[in-house]
Every structure is written in structure tokens, then in C-alpha cells.
C-alpha atoms as a PDB file:
ATOM      1  CA  MET A   1     122.120 -26.383 -50.387  1.00  0.00           C
ATOM      2  CA  ILE A   2     122.635 -22.706 -51.014  1.00  0.00           C
ATOM      3  CA  ARG A   3     126.076 -21.325 -51.545  1.00  0.00           C
ATOM      4  CA  MET A   4     127.457 -17.900 -52.012  1.00  0.00           C
ATOM      5  CA  SER A   5     130.027 -18.367 -54.718  1.00  0.00           C
ATOM      6  CA  LEU A   6     133.536 -16.946 -54.564  1.00  0.00           C
ATOM      7  CA  ALA A   7     132.656 -14.974 -57.690  1.00  0.00           C
ATOM      8  CA  ALA A   8     129.654 -13.493 -55.862  1.00  0.00           C
ATOM      9  CA  LEU A   9     131.805 -12.639 -52.878  1.00  0.00           C
ATOM     10  CA  LEU A  10     134.330 -10.994 -55.169  1.00  0.00           C
ATOM     11  CA  THR A  11     131.515  -9.123 -56.900  1.00  0.00           C
ATOM     12  CA  MET A  12     130.261  -7.829 -53.563  1.00  0.00           C
ATOM     13  CA  THR A  13     133.753  -6.525 -52.830  1.00  0.00           C
ATOM     14  CA  GLY A  14     134.121  -5.141 -56.348  1.00  0.00           C
ATOM     15  CA  LEU A  15     137.063  -7.380 -57.253  1.00  0.00           C
ATOM     16  CA  ALA A  16     135.529  -9.439 -60.068  1.00  0.00           C
ATOM     17  CA  ALA A  17     132.362  -9.954 -62.055  1.00  0.00           C
ATOM     18  CA  ALA A  18     130.145 -12.950 -61.320  1.00  0.00           C
ATOM     19  CA  ALA A  19     128.496 -15.035 -63.996  1.00  0.00           C
ATOM     20  CA  GLU A  20     125.129 -13.684 -65.084  1.00  0.00           C
ATOM     21  CA  PRO A  21     122.501 -14.777 -62.529  1.00  0.00           C
ATOM     22  CA  ALA A  22     119.359 -16.540 -63.650  1.00  0.00           C
ATOM     23  CA  ALA A  23     117.241 -13.890 -61.929  1.00  0.00           C
ATOM     24  CA  THR A  24     117.566 -10.563 -60.148  1.00  0.00           C
ATOM     25  CA  VAL A  25     115.342  -9.618 -57.219  1.00  0.00           C
ATOM     26  CA  ARG A  26     115.214  -5.937 -56.321  1.00  0.00           C
ATOM     27  CA  GLU A  27     114.479  -4.722 -52.785  1.00  0.00           C
ATOM     28  CA  LEU A  28     112.082  -1.786 -52.962  1.00  0.00           C
ATOM     29  CA  ASN A  29     110.388   0.733 -50.670  1.00  0.00           C
ATOM     30  CA  ARG A  30     107.456   0.954 -53.105  1.00  0.00           C
ATOM     31  CA  GLY A  31     106.167  -2.083 -54.949  1.00  0.00           C
ATOM     32  CA  LEU A  32     105.026  -2.092 -58.542  1.00  0.00           C
ATOM     33  CA  VAL A  33     101.404  -2.741 -57.534  1.00  0.00           C
ATOM     34  CA  ALA A  34      99.492   0.449 -56.694  1.00  0.00           C
ATOM     35  CA  GLY A  35      99.603   1.128 -52.967  1.00  0.00           C
ATOM     36  CA  GLU A  36     102.125  -1.615 -52.224  1.00  0.00           C
ATOM     37  CA  THR A  37     104.953  -0.638 -49.916  1.00  0.00           C
ATOM     38  CA  PHE A  38     108.104  -2.591 -49.143  1.00  0.00           C
ATOM     39  CA  ALA A  39     108.345  -5.311 -51.753  1.00  0.00           C
ATOM     40  CA  TYR A  40     110.684  -7.634 -53.559  1.00  0.00           C
ATOM     41  CA  ASP A  41     110.484  -7.336 -57.341  1.00  0.00           C
ATOM     42  CA  PRO A  42     109.767  -9.880 -58.571  1.00  0.00           C
ATOM     43  CA  ALA A  43     108.257 -11.594 -55.542  1.00  0.00           C
ATOM     44  CA  LEU A  44     108.104 -14.930 -57.364  1.00  0.00           C
ATOM     45  CA  VAL A  45     111.214 -16.304 -59.048  1.00  0.00           C
ATOM     46  CA  ARG A  46     111.755 -19.644 -60.757  1.00  0.00           C
ATOM     47  CA  VAL A  47     115.258 -20.959 -61.364  1.00  0.00           C
ATOM     48  CA  PRO A  48     116.572 -24.375 -62.379  1.00  0.00           C
ATOM     49  CA  VAL A  49     118.492 -26.519 -59.916  1.00  0.00           C
ATOM     50  CA  GLY A  50     121.957 -24.965 -59.789  1.00  0.00           C
ATOM     51  CA  GLY A  51     120.525 -21.584 -60.803  1.00  0.00           C
ATOM     52  CA  SER A  52     121.347 -18.370 -59.048  1.00  0.00           C
ATOM     53  CA  VAL A  53     119.477 -15.310 -57.841  1.00  0.00           C
ATOM     54  CA  ARG A  54     121.019 -11.894 -57.360  1.00  0.00           C
ATOM     55  CA  PHE A  55     119.532  -9.753 -54.599  1.00  0.00           C
ATOM     56  CA  GLU A  56     119.876  -6.048 -55.323  1.00  0.00           C
ATOM     57  CA  PRO A  57     119.247  -3.383 -52.643  1.00  0.00           C
ATOM     58  CA  THR A  58     117.610  -0.901 -55.020  1.00  0.00           C
ATOM     59  CA  ASP A  59     116.263   0.986 -51.996  1.00  0.00           C
ATOM     60  CA  LYS A  60     118.142   0.923 -48.694  1.00  0.00           C
ATOM     61  CA  GLY A  61     116.924  -0.564 -45.415  1.00  0.00           C
ATOM     62  CA  HIS A  62     116.215  -4.134 -46.531  1.00  0.00           C
ATOM     63  CA  ASN A  63     117.729  -7.562 -46.057  1.00  0.00           C
ATOM     64  CA  VAL A  64     116.947 -11.107 -47.224  1.00  0.00           C
ATOM     65  CA  THR A  65     116.550 -13.939 -44.720  1.00  0.00           C
ATOM     66  CA  PRO A  66     114.671 -17.239 -44.791  1.00  0.00           C
ATOM     67  CA  ILE A  67     111.237 -17.742 -43.315  1.00  0.00           C
ATOM     68  CA  ALA A  68     112.583 -20.390 -40.966  1.00  0.00           C
ATOM     69  CA  SER A  69     109.340 -22.311 -40.390  1.00  0.00           C
ATOM     70  CA  LEU A  70     108.999 -22.894 -44.155  1.00  0.00           C
ATOM     71  CA  TRP A  71     112.652 -23.199 -45.216  1.00  0.00           C
ATOM     72  CA  PRO A  72     113.584 -26.601 -46.687  1.00  0.00           C
ATOM     73  CA  ALA A  73     114.974 -28.964 -44.050  1.00  0.00           C
ATOM     74  CA  GLY A  74     118.716 -29.473 -44.127  1.00  0.00           C
ATOM     75  CA  VAL A  75     119.411 -26.431 -46.298  1.00  0.00           C
ATOM     76  CA  PRO A  76     121.662 -23.761 -44.774  1.00  0.00           C
ATOM     77  CA  PRO A  77     119.844 -20.454 -44.379  1.00  0.00           C
ATOM     78  CA  LEU A  78     120.346 -17.587 -46.775  1.00  0.00           C
ATOM     79  CA  ASN A  79     121.413 -14.331 -45.171  1.00  0.00           C
ATOM     80  CA  VAL A  80     121.845 -11.194 -47.254  1.00  0.00           C
ATOM     81  CA  PRO A  81     122.687  -8.327 -44.868  1.00  0.00           C
ATOM     82  CA  PHE A  82     120.978  -4.958 -44.950  1.00  0.00           C
ATOM     83  CA  ASN A  83     121.854  -2.807 -47.952  1.00  0.00           C
ATOM     84  CA  SER A  84     124.035  -5.526 -49.474  1.00  0.00           C
ATOM     85  CA  GLU A  85     124.053  -7.064 -52.918  1.00  0.00           C
ATOM     86  CA  ALA A  86     124.626 -10.805 -53.082  1.00  0.00           C
ATOM     87  CA  THR A  87     124.143 -13.733 -55.406  1.00  0.00           C
ATOM     88  CA  ALA A  88     122.978 -17.089 -54.084  1.00  0.00           C
ATOM     89  CA  THR A  89     123.073 -20.399 -55.947  1.00  0.00           C
ATOM     90  CA  PHE A  90     120.351 -22.968 -55.242  1.00  0.00           C
ATOM     91  CA  ASP A  91     121.534 -26.575 -55.573  1.00  0.00           C
ATOM     92  CA  ARG A  92     118.417 -28.416 -54.373  1.00  0.00           C
ATOM     93  CA  PRO A  93     114.885 -28.359 -55.749  1.00  0.00           C
ATOM     94  CA  GLY A  94     112.270 -26.842 -53.500  1.00  0.00           C
ATOM     95  CA  VAL A  95     110.497 -23.694 -52.408  1.00  0.00           C
ATOM     96  CA  TYR A  96     112.615 -21.094 -50.629  1.00  0.00           C
ATOM     97  CA  PRO A  97     110.541 -18.379 -48.902  1.00  0.00           C
ATOM     98  CA  VAL A  98     112.432 -15.230 -47.944  1.00  0.00           C
ATOM     99  CA  GLN A  99     111.595 -12.108 -45.999  1.00  0.00           C
ATOM    100  CA  CYS A 100     112.882  -8.672 -45.134  1.00  0.00           C
ATOM    101  CA  THR A 101     112.940  -8.963 -41.358  1.00  0.00           C
ATOM    102  CA  PRO A 102     111.742  -5.442 -40.459  1.00  0.00           C
ATOM    103  CA  HIS A 103     109.061  -5.474 -43.181  1.00  0.00           C
ATOM    104  CA  THR A 104     107.676  -9.036 -43.082  1.00  0.00           C
ATOM    105  CA  GLY A 105     104.570  -7.811 -41.294  1.00  0.00           C
ATOM    106  CA  LEU A 106     103.934  -5.477 -44.209  1.00  0.00           C
ATOM    107  CA  GLY A 107     104.117  -8.366 -46.667  1.00  0.00           C
ATOM    108  CA  MET A 108     107.733  -8.046 -47.855  1.00  0.00           C
ATOM    109  CA  VAL A 109     108.147 -11.726 -48.664  1.00  0.00           C
ATOM    110  CA  ALA A 110     109.143 -13.601 -51.800  1.00  0.00           C
ATOM    111  CA  LEU A 111     109.318 -17.167 -53.089  1.00  0.00           C
ATOM    112  CA  ILE A 112     112.207 -18.701 -54.957  1.00  0.00           C
ATOM    113  CA  VAL A 113     111.050 -21.886 -56.646  1.00  0.00           C
ATOM    114  CA  VAL A 114     113.923 -24.139 -57.648  1.00  0.00           C
ATOM    115  CA  GLY A 115     113.262 -26.891 -60.175  1.00  0.00           C
ATOM    116  CA  ASP A 116     110.074 -28.888 -59.746  1.00  0.00           C
ATOM    117  CA  ALA A 117     108.327 -28.179 -56.465  1.00  0.00           C
ATOM    118  CA  ASP A 118     105.002 -29.203 -54.960  1.00  0.00           C
ATOM    119  CA  MET A 119     103.284 -25.845 -54.622  1.00  0.00           C
ATOM    120  CA  ASP A 120     100.122 -27.342 -53.088  1.00  0.00           C
ATOM    121  CA  GLU A 121     102.198 -28.852 -50.284  1.00  0.00           C
ATOM    122  CA  PHE A 122     104.001 -25.551 -49.741  1.00  0.00           C
ATOM    123  CA  ALA A 123     100.718 -23.581 -49.707  1.00  0.00           C
ATOM    124  CA  ALA A 124      99.286 -25.926 -47.060  1.00  0.00           C
ATOM    125  CA  LYS A 125     102.390 -25.482 -44.881  1.00  0.00           C
ATOM    126  CA  ALA A 126     102.338 -21.700 -45.337  1.00  0.00           C
ATOM    127  CA  ALA A 127      98.676 -21.520 -44.327  1.00  0.00           C
ATOM    128  CA  SER A 128      99.513 -22.910 -40.889  1.00  0.00           C
ATOM    129  CA  ALA A 129     103.136 -21.804 -40.401  1.00  0.00           C
ATOM    130  CA  PRO A 130     103.784 -20.238 -37.013  1.00  0.00           C
ATOM    131  CA  GLY A 131     104.947 -16.675 -36.633  1.00  0.00           C
ATOM    132  CA  LEU A 132     103.614 -15.211 -39.889  1.00  0.00           C
ATOM    133  CA  THR A 133     101.525 -12.070 -39.895  1.00  0.00           C
ATOM    134  CA  PRO A 134      98.237 -12.159 -41.820  1.00  0.00           C
ATOM    135  CA  LYS A 135      99.652  -9.960 -44.592  1.00  0.00           C
ATOM    136  CA  ALA A 136     102.771 -12.119 -45.052  1.00  0.00           C
ATOM    137  CA  ARG A 137     100.696 -15.327 -44.943  1.00  0.00           C
ATOM    138  CA  ALA A 138      98.260 -13.968 -47.529  1.00  0.00           C
ATOM    139  CA  LYS A 139     101.038 -12.881 -49.882  1.00  0.00           C
ATOM    140  CA  LEU A 140     102.769 -16.276 -49.626  1.00  0.00           C
ATOM    141  CA  GLY A 141      99.444 -17.908 -50.502  1.00  0.00           C
ATOM    142  CA  VAL A 142      99.048 -15.711 -53.577  1.00  0.00           C
ATOM    143  CA  LEU A 143     102.631 -16.376 -54.673  1.00  0.00           C
ATOM    144  CA  ALA A 144     102.267 -20.136 -54.154  1.00  0.00           C
ATOM    145  CA  GLY A 145      99.076 -20.103 -56.199  1.00  0.00           C
ATOM    146  CA  ALA A 146     100.756 -18.156 -58.998  1.00  0.00           C
ATOM    147  CA  ALA A 147     103.735 -20.535 -58.962  1.00  0.00           C
ATOM    148  CA  GLY A 148     101.396 -23.519 -59.170  1.00  0.00           C
ATOM    149  CA  ARG A 149      99.768 -22.097 -62.303  1.00  0.00           C
ATOM    150  CA  SER A 150     102.998 -21.236 -64.118  1.00  0.00           C
END
């Protein structure tokens, strides 16, 4: 299950500070790799079960939503609106693929790996998941491979 904590909600409204997240993912118009446009940085995040990830709209025009065909069954979807900062806590182990909806086709996808996860199984699912563009599918494959080696 993913939950947006009250502290995160208060942080988004500027009323209180949330606990330090385990990871921060920035939403960028230019990636850190030469020639890469529209990217999450980092695009691969590992957190323990119960860990949190803060999504930071460093550049405007991006959101964070699940890749529905690959999202873990029974887990409520994550939805970080455009130009919004939010912190999500991940309570179940697994692989959580996210996308920026207007830029998925350009490869703006990321993986959040929570606890121990079977990256080979995820990579096989991603290779045949419906609705992914070639660029998004390729990037998910690279990220899954990197996660399997780390």
C-alpha cells in the first residue's frame, strides 16, 4: 500500500515539515545523461519497506502516475499532480514503475524498488506490457537490469 502521510500533506501546504524521506526524485526537463530530455533523477530508487520517496517538481510541467499495466496488484495508485511536491510511503515490497503522462513516450519513466523484488520477473512483464512506447519500454528494461545488479 502507498500512503500520503498527513505530514506530507501538511508539507505540501506549507504547514509542517515531514520526516526526511529515504529518497528524493526530481522531475526534470533535461536529464543528466547527454541528450536526454524529460527525465526523473534518479530514475531508479531503492527504499526499504516503509520507506518514503519525495517527488520534487524541479522543472514544471511534470506529474507522477503509475504505469498501470505493471503496478503491483492491490496497491492503490500513486498520483502526484502536475507541478506538485509530494512524499509517498511504500508499505509493501515490490517494483513500482511510474511515468510522467505527457512525456512517457519520450522515456520519462522511473522505477521505485521497495525491499526485495524479483527484477527478472518485472523485466519479463515490462517487455510485454501493453501500451508502452518503445522508448519507455527500453528505459524500463535498462532500469530493471540495473536494479537486478545492485
